[in-house]
Amino acid sequence: MKVSMRCTLVFFVLMLAAALAVAQSNAGAPAGNTEAAQPMQPAQVAPGNTTPPVNTPAPAQNPQPQRPIAERLPAAQPVTGESYVIGEGDLLAINVWHETELTRTLPVRMDGMITLPLIGELKAAGQTVDQLSATITTKLKHYLEAPEVTVIVQEPRSQFITVMGKVAKPGSYPLAQRLTVMDALALAGGFKDFANVKKIQVVRTHRDGRVERIPFDYKRAVSGDIQHNFPLEQHDLIVVP
């Protein structure tokens, strides 16, 4: 009898201990969602790449800078015709049709003369291109039946104008064709900062040695007033203060 009571008592003690253990374990569990946390998925990385892709903005495309005005203008072309007066230093291309031995390119010497086969010494400076062509043709008729002569000023070096002062590209430019003051300023690349466009002058030296200073009204010329955008002459000097 005593043994049976002892067994029952031990059983109740064990049940009580088990209940206390369950209660303690439930008290230590965190409150909130009882569902198990989902494991984090690793970031998808492209094969062979050890770093995750990063979206970076495309670099801004800078506009291409415009070329200077002087570079956009056509270069001086060889001169033909009756308007250009040949001078010392000009490079002439003289072509005699079907006569390769008489065809050549040569400069006008500082004394204004050139030397040609059969003709010898010939005054070239002071003649227009057409006049020199006619002169050579006339002299070659003593040796050829019907010579055909073409004269081209390959490099017009004797006639030029000069731009100086506050311009981008000061210097001398060939006067191989009709140029106005605005054309020359464009060839010189335009004005620098702080250029005084109200006091531009064209200094012109005449054949008798007289020097003339001609004021240039830039604002009226740029507005389209043709009278104020006058053509330049040989050896004119444009001064931009």
Protein backbone atom coordinates (compact mmCIF):
# COMPACT_ATOMS: atom_id res chain seq x y z
CA MET A 1 0.00 0.00 0.00
CA LYS A 2 2.76 2.37 0.97
CA VAL A 3 4.62 1.52 -2.22
CA SER A 4 1.60 2.36 -4.35
CA MET A 5 1.21 5.77 -2.75
CA ARG A 6 4.89 6.54 -3.26
CA CYS A 7 4.63 5.69 -6.98
CA THR A 8 1.61 7.93 -7.38
CA LEU A 9 3.37 10.78 -5.64
CA VAL A 10 6.43 10.43 -7.89
CA PHE A 11 4.21 10.42 -10.96
CA PHE A 12 2.55 13.70 -9.96
CA VAL A 13 5.93 15.30 -9.26
CA LEU A 14 7.19 14.32 -12.68
CA MET A 15 4.04 15.67 -14.39
CA LEU A 16 4.38 18.95 -12.51
CA ALA A 17 8.01 19.31 -13.54
CA ALA A 18 7.13 18.66 -17.18
CA ALA A 19 4.36 21.26 -17.05
CA LEU A 20 6.72 23.83 -15.53
CA ALA A 21 9.30 23.15 -18.27
CA VAL A 22 6.72 23.65 -21.02
CA ALA A 23 5.54 26.90 -19.43
CA GLN A 24 9.08 28.27 -19.21
CA SER A 25 9.82 27.44 -22.86
CA ASN A 26 6.65 29.21 -24.04
CA ALA A 27 7.49 32.30 -21.96
CA GLY A 28 10.94 32.62 -23.64
CA ALA A 29 9.57 32.52 -27.24
CA PRO A 30 9.36 36.00 -29.05
CA ALA A 31 5.95 37.53 -29.54
CA GLY A 32 4.59 38.29 -33.01
CA ASN A 33 4.35 36.22 -36.13
CA THR A 34 4.69 32.57 -35.32
CA GLU A 35 5.47 31.64 -38.91
CA ALA A 36 9.05 30.71 -39.66
CA ALA A 37 11.05 33.49 -41.33
CA GLN A 38 11.67 32.87 -44.99
CA PRO A 39 15.35 32.59 -45.86
CA MET A 40 16.75 35.49 -47.94
CA GLN A 41 17.43 34.68 -51.53
CA PRO A 42 20.90 35.64 -52.78
CA ALA A 43 21.07 38.49 -55.33
CA GLN A 44 21.21 37.38 -58.90
CA VAL A 45 24.62 38.13 -60.38
CA ALA A 46 25.58 37.62 -64.00
CA PRO A 47 27.97 34.74 -64.56
CA GLY A 48 31.59 35.86 -64.39
CA ASN A 49 30.73 39.10 -62.62
CA THR A 50 31.60 39.28 -58.94
CA THR A 51 29.87 42.59 -58.27
CA PRO A 52 26.13 43.29 -58.50
CA PRO A 53 25.05 45.44 -61.47
CA VAL A 54 24.74 49.12 -60.75
CA ASN A 55 22.61 51.43 -62.89
CA THR A 56 24.77 54.43 -63.74
CA PRO A 57 23.49 57.38 -65.78
CA ALA A 58 24.81 57.69 -69.32
CA PRO A 59 27.49 60.36 -69.65
CA ALA A 60 26.21 63.64 -71.04
CA GLN A 61 27.14 64.20 -74.65
CA ASN A 62 28.92 67.49 -75.04
CA PRO A 63 28.09 69.36 -78.26
CA GLN A 64 30.89 69.46 -80.76
CA PRO A 65 32.56 72.89 -80.78
CA GLN A 66 32.10 74.83 -83.98
CA ARG A 67 35.13 75.52 -85.98
CA PRO A 68 36.32 79.07 -86.15
CA ILE A 69 34.81 81.16 -88.94
CA ALA A 70 38.13 81.38 -90.74
CA GLU A 71 38.27 77.58 -91.01
CA ARG A 72 34.75 77.38 -92.48
CA LEU A 73 35.54 79.84 -95.26
CA PRO A 74 36.94 78.47 -98.55
CA ALA A 75 40.68 78.79 -99.01
CA ALA A 76 42.07 81.20 -101.58
CA GLN A 77 41.74 79.71 -105.05
CA PRO A 78 44.14 80.05 -107.99
CA VAL A 79 43.45 83.23 -109.95
CA THR A 80 42.59 83.52 -113.63
CA GLY A 81 40.99 86.24 -115.74
CA GLU A 82 41.50 89.94 -116.25
CA SER A 83 40.95 91.38 -112.77
CA TYR A 84 44.09 90.26 -110.95
CA VAL A 85 47.29 92.24 -111.56
CA ILE A 86 50.38 90.04 -111.29
CA GLY A 87 53.05 91.16 -108.88
CA GLU A 88 56.46 90.21 -107.54
CA GLY A 89 56.47 86.88 -105.73
CA ASP A 90 53.36 85.45 -107.39
CA LEU A 91 53.65 81.80 -108.39
CA LEU A 92 52.49 81.35 -112.00
CA ALA A 93 51.41 78.16 -113.73
CA ILE A 94 51.93 78.61 -117.49
CA ASN A 95 50.51 75.89 -119.69
CA VAL A 96 51.12 75.63 -123.45
CA TRP A 97 48.78 73.07 -124.95
CA HIS A 98 50.59 70.00 -126.33
CA GLU A 99 53.95 71.57 -125.51
CA THR A 100 55.12 69.96 -122.28
CA GLU A 101 58.61 71.44 -122.58
CA LEU A 102 57.15 74.94 -122.52
CA THR A 103 54.70 74.23 -119.70
CA ARG A 104 56.02 75.06 -116.26
CA THR A 105 55.34 76.62 -112.87
CA LEU A 106 57.60 79.47 -111.81
CA PRO A 107 57.60 82.51 -109.50
CA VAL A 108 57.74 86.13 -110.57
CA ARG A 109 61.13 87.43 -109.52
CA MET A 110 61.53 90.55 -107.41
CA ASP A 111 62.41 92.52 -110.55
CA GLY A 112 59.01 91.52 -111.99
CA MET A 113 60.52 89.27 -114.66
CA ILE A 114 60.07 85.60 -115.59
CA THR A 115 62.12 83.40 -117.89
CA LEU A 116 60.48 81.09 -120.45
CA PRO A 117 61.95 78.74 -123.08
CA LEU A 118 62.17 80.27 -126.60
CA ILE A 119 61.01 83.64 -125.27
CA GLY A 120 63.63 84.37 -122.63
CA GLU A 121 63.09 87.30 -120.25
CA LEU A 122 59.56 88.64 -120.02
CA LYS A 123 57.99 91.32 -117.84
CA ALA A 124 55.13 89.72 -115.89
CA ALA A 125 54.56 92.12 -112.99
CA GLY A 126 52.00 94.81 -113.75
CA GLN A 127 50.07 92.71 -116.27
CA THR A 128 46.77 91.00 -115.68
CA VAL A 129 46.51 87.24 -116.14
CA ASP A 130 44.81 87.67 -119.53
CA GLN A 131 47.36 90.24 -120.68
CA LEU A 132 50.30 87.99 -119.84
CA SER A 133 48.63 85.05 -121.57
CA ALA A 134 48.16 87.16 -124.72
CA THR A 135 51.78 88.40 -124.57
CA ILE A 136 53.18 84.88 -124.32
CA THR A 137 50.89 83.68 -127.14
CA THR A 138 52.07 86.49 -129.43
CA LYS A 139 55.76 85.76 -128.80
CA LEU A 140 55.32 81.99 -129.27
CA LYS A 141 53.74 82.52 -132.71
CA HIS A 142 57.27 83.04 -134.02
CA TYR A 143 58.02 79.41 -133.15
CA LEU A 144 54.66 77.61 -133.08
CA GLU A 145 51.83 77.62 -135.60
CA ALA A 146 48.87 78.16 -133.26
CA PRO A 147 49.94 78.22 -129.62
CA GLU A 148 47.29 78.01 -126.94
CA VAL A 149 48.48 79.48 -123.67
CA THR A 150 46.82 79.44 -120.25
CA VAL A 151 48.19 81.43 -117.33
CA ILE A 152 47.07 80.82 -113.75
CA VAL A 153 48.28 82.57 -110.61
CA GLN A 154 48.78 79.39 -108.61
CA GLU A 155 49.68 81.23 -105.40
CA PRO A 156 48.87 84.95 -105.24
CA ARG A 157 51.62 86.23 -102.96
CA SER A 158 52.04 89.84 -104.02
CA GLN A 159 48.58 91.13 -103.10
CA PHE A 160 47.54 90.80 -99.50
CA ILE A 161 45.85 92.59 -96.65
CA THR A 162 46.78 92.59 -92.97
CA VAL A 163 44.57 92.40 -89.87
CA MET A 164 46.11 93.31 -86.52
CA GLY A 165 44.96 94.07 -83.01
CA LYS A 166 42.37 92.27 -80.91
CA VAL A 167 41.39 89.52 -83.35
CA ALA A 168 41.74 85.77 -82.96
CA LYS A 169 44.19 85.28 -85.84
CA PRO A 170 46.10 88.45 -86.66
CA GLY A 171 48.27 88.31 -89.75
CA SER A 172 48.37 88.78 -93.51
CA TYR A 173 45.87 87.20 -95.91
CA PRO A 174 46.06 86.95 -99.72
CA LEU A 175 43.89 89.33 -101.71
CA ALA A 176 43.25 86.80 -104.45
CA GLN A 177 39.61 87.80 -104.78
CA ARG A 178 37.34 90.63 -103.77
CA LEU A 179 37.34 91.00 -100.00
CA THR A 180 35.38 93.41 -97.86
CA VAL A 181 36.30 94.52 -94.35
CA MET A 182 33.81 92.03 -92.88
CA ASP A 183 35.35 89.25 -94.96
CA ALA A 184 38.81 90.08 -93.62
CA LEU A 185 37.58 90.17 -90.03
CA ALA A 186 36.00 86.75 -90.55
CA LEU A 187 39.26 85.38 -91.97
CA ALA A 188 41.02 86.69 -88.87
CA GLY A 189 38.69 84.63 -86.67
CA GLY A 190 36.57 87.46 -85.28
CA PHE A 191 37.16 89.69 -82.27
CA LYS A 192 38.83 88.92 -78.97
CA ASP A 193 37.30 89.98 -75.67
CA PHE A 194 37.23 93.72 -75.00
CA ALA A 195 37.84 94.64 -78.65
CA ASN A 196 36.66 98.19 -79.32
CA VAL A 197 34.54 97.70 -82.43
CA LYS A 198 33.66 101.39 -82.49
CA LYS A 199 37.21 102.44 -83.35
CA ILE A 200 38.19 100.02 -86.12
CA GLN A 201 40.26 101.70 -88.83
CA VAL A 202 41.50 100.71 -92.27
CA VAL A 203 44.93 102.18 -92.98
CA ARG A 204 45.45 102.52 -96.74
CA THR A 205 48.73 103.50 -98.35
CA HIS A 206 48.32 104.98 -101.83
CA ARG A 207 50.83 104.71 -104.66
CA ASP A 208 52.02 108.27 -104.08
CA GLY A 209 52.90 107.41 -100.47
CA ARG A 210 49.91 109.16 -98.95
CA VAL A 211 48.47 107.33 -95.94
CA GLU A 212 44.72 107.42 -95.39
CA ARG A 213 42.91 106.29 -92.24
CA ILE A 214 39.36 105.16 -93.00
CA PRO A 215 37.02 104.57 -90.01
CA PHE A 216 34.93 101.42 -90.22
CA ASP A 217 31.43 101.45 -88.73
CA TYR A 218 31.10 97.85 -87.63
CA LYS A 219 27.55 98.09 -86.27
CA ARG A 220 26.15 99.54 -89.48
CA ALA A 221 28.09 97.07 -91.61
CA VAL A 222 26.93 94.06 -89.62
CA SER A 223 23.34 95.29 -89.88
CA GLY A 224 23.55 94.94 -93.66
CA ASP A 225 24.54 98.45 -94.75
CA ILE A 226 26.60 97.60 -97.85
CA GLN A 227 28.07 101.11 -98.16
CA HIS A 228 29.90 100.72 -94.86
CA ASN A 229 31.27 97.27 -95.72
CA PHE A 230 33.59 98.54 -98.45
CA PRO A 231 36.06 96.38 -100.45
CA LEU A 232 39.71 96.28 -99.49
CA GLU A 233 42.68 97.20 -101.66
CA GLN A 234 46.15 95.79 -101.88
CA HIS A 235 48.22 96.16 -98.68
CA ASP A 236 45.30 97.59 -96.64
CA LEU A 237 45.83 97.33 -92.89
CA ILE A 238 42.86 96.74 -90.59
CA VAL A 239 43.48 97.84 -86.99
CA VAL A 240 41.16 96.55 -84.24
CA PRO A 241 42.03 98.34 -80.94
